[in-house]
């Protein structure tokens, strides 16, 4: 959409890394909670609080979403503006 309307160029589009390091997540979440989420062993009450049924796709989406946020923050620092 952005390319087709001339709002952005290919050079202005960036993709996050495919496999963000676990340390990004354990720096801000309890390691047992994080690894329970990633391996599907998080207790049912904690999964209910997340609001989604566990799946490998949910884990991948969540990790990539965070990687995109980190990339956008880095690009904003470098260029003054970025979005995810």
Protein backbone atom coordinates (compact mmCIF):
# COMPACT_ATOMS: atom_id res chain seq x y z
CA UNK A 1 0.00 0.00 0.00
CA UNK A 2 2.72 2.48 0.95
CA UNK A 3 4.77 1.65 -2.14
CA UNK A 4 1.81 1.65 -4.51
CA UNK A 5 0.67 5.10 -3.40
CA UNK A 6 4.17 6.56 -3.48
CA UNK A 7 4.16 7.22 0.25
CA UNK A 8 7.35 5.22 0.84
CA UNK A 9 10.17 3.81 -1.26
CA UNK A 10 11.68 0.33 -1.02
CA UNK A 11 14.73 1.88 0.64
CA UNK A 12 12.50 3.18 3.44
CA UNK A 13 11.06 -0.25 4.28
CA UNK A 14 12.92 -2.50 6.68
CA UNK A 15 12.34 -6.00 8.06
CA UNK A 16 13.21 -7.10 11.59
CA UNK A 17 15.58 -9.95 12.28
CA UNK A 18 13.93 -13.37 12.01
CA UNK A 19 15.14 -14.73 15.33
CA UNK A 20 15.45 -12.07 18.05
CA UNK A 21 17.64 -13.20 20.96
CA UNK A 22 15.93 -14.57 24.05
CA UNK A 23 17.89 -12.02 26.09
CA UNK A 24 15.69 -9.22 24.69
CA UNK A 25 12.69 -10.86 26.31
CA UNK A 26 14.23 -12.13 29.54
CA UNK A 27 15.56 -8.62 30.18
CA UNK A 28 11.97 -7.44 30.68
CA UNK A 29 10.06 -10.63 31.56
CA UNK A 30 10.61 -13.34 34.13
CA UNK A 31 12.63 -16.08 32.39
CA UNK A 32 10.27 -18.85 33.57
CA UNK A 33 7.30 -16.92 32.20
CA UNK A 34 9.00 -16.21 28.87
CA UNK A 35 10.27 -19.75 28.31
CA UNK A 36 6.93 -21.16 29.46
CA UNK A 37 5.29 -19.03 26.80
CA UNK A 38 7.74 -19.99 24.06
CA UNK A 39 7.64 -23.72 24.75
CA UNK A 40 3.92 -23.96 25.50
CA UNK A 41 4.23 -24.89 29.16
CA UNK A 42 2.87 -21.67 30.63
CA UNK A 43 0.12 -22.48 33.15
CA UNK A 44 -3.45 -22.15 31.87
CA UNK A 45 -4.32 -19.12 34.07
CA UNK A 46 -1.35 -17.19 32.64
CA UNK A 47 -2.35 -18.09 29.07
CA UNK A 48 -5.90 -16.92 29.78
CA UNK A 49 -4.49 -13.54 30.84
CA UNK A 50 -2.66 -13.32 27.52
CA UNK A 51 -6.03 -13.78 25.83
CA UNK A 52 -4.97 -16.12 23.02
CA UNK A 53 -4.71 -19.87 22.72
CA UNK A 54 -1.07 -20.97 22.62
CA UNK A 55 0.41 -21.92 19.26
CA UNK A 56 3.84 -21.85 17.67
CA UNK A 57 2.48 -19.19 15.31
CA UNK A 58 1.51 -17.00 18.29
CA UNK A 59 5.04 -17.29 19.67
CA UNK A 60 6.57 -16.43 16.30
CA UNK A 61 4.21 -13.47 15.80
CA UNK A 62 4.93 -12.14 19.28
CA UNK A 63 8.70 -12.44 18.91
CA UNK A 64 8.68 -10.81 15.45
CA UNK A 65 6.40 -8.03 16.68
CA UNK A 66 8.92 -7.21 19.39
CA UNK A 67 11.80 -7.39 16.91
CA UNK A 68 9.94 -4.91 14.72
CA UNK A 69 9.48 -2.57 17.68
CA UNK A 70 13.21 -2.70 18.47
CA UNK A 71 14.05 -2.04 14.82
CA UNK A 72 11.62 0.90 14.67
CA UNK A 73 13.13 2.39 17.83
CA UNK A 74 16.64 2.09 16.41
CA UNK A 75 15.58 3.63 13.10
CA UNK A 76 13.78 6.46 14.90
CA UNK A 77 16.95 7.26 16.83
CA UNK A 78 18.93 7.24 13.61
CA UNK A 79 16.48 9.09 11.36
CA UNK A 80 14.21 10.99 13.74
CA UNK A 81 11.05 9.05 12.83
CA UNK A 82 10.05 5.42 12.25
CA UNK A 83 7.00 3.25 12.74
CA UNK A 84 6.23 -0.43 13.13
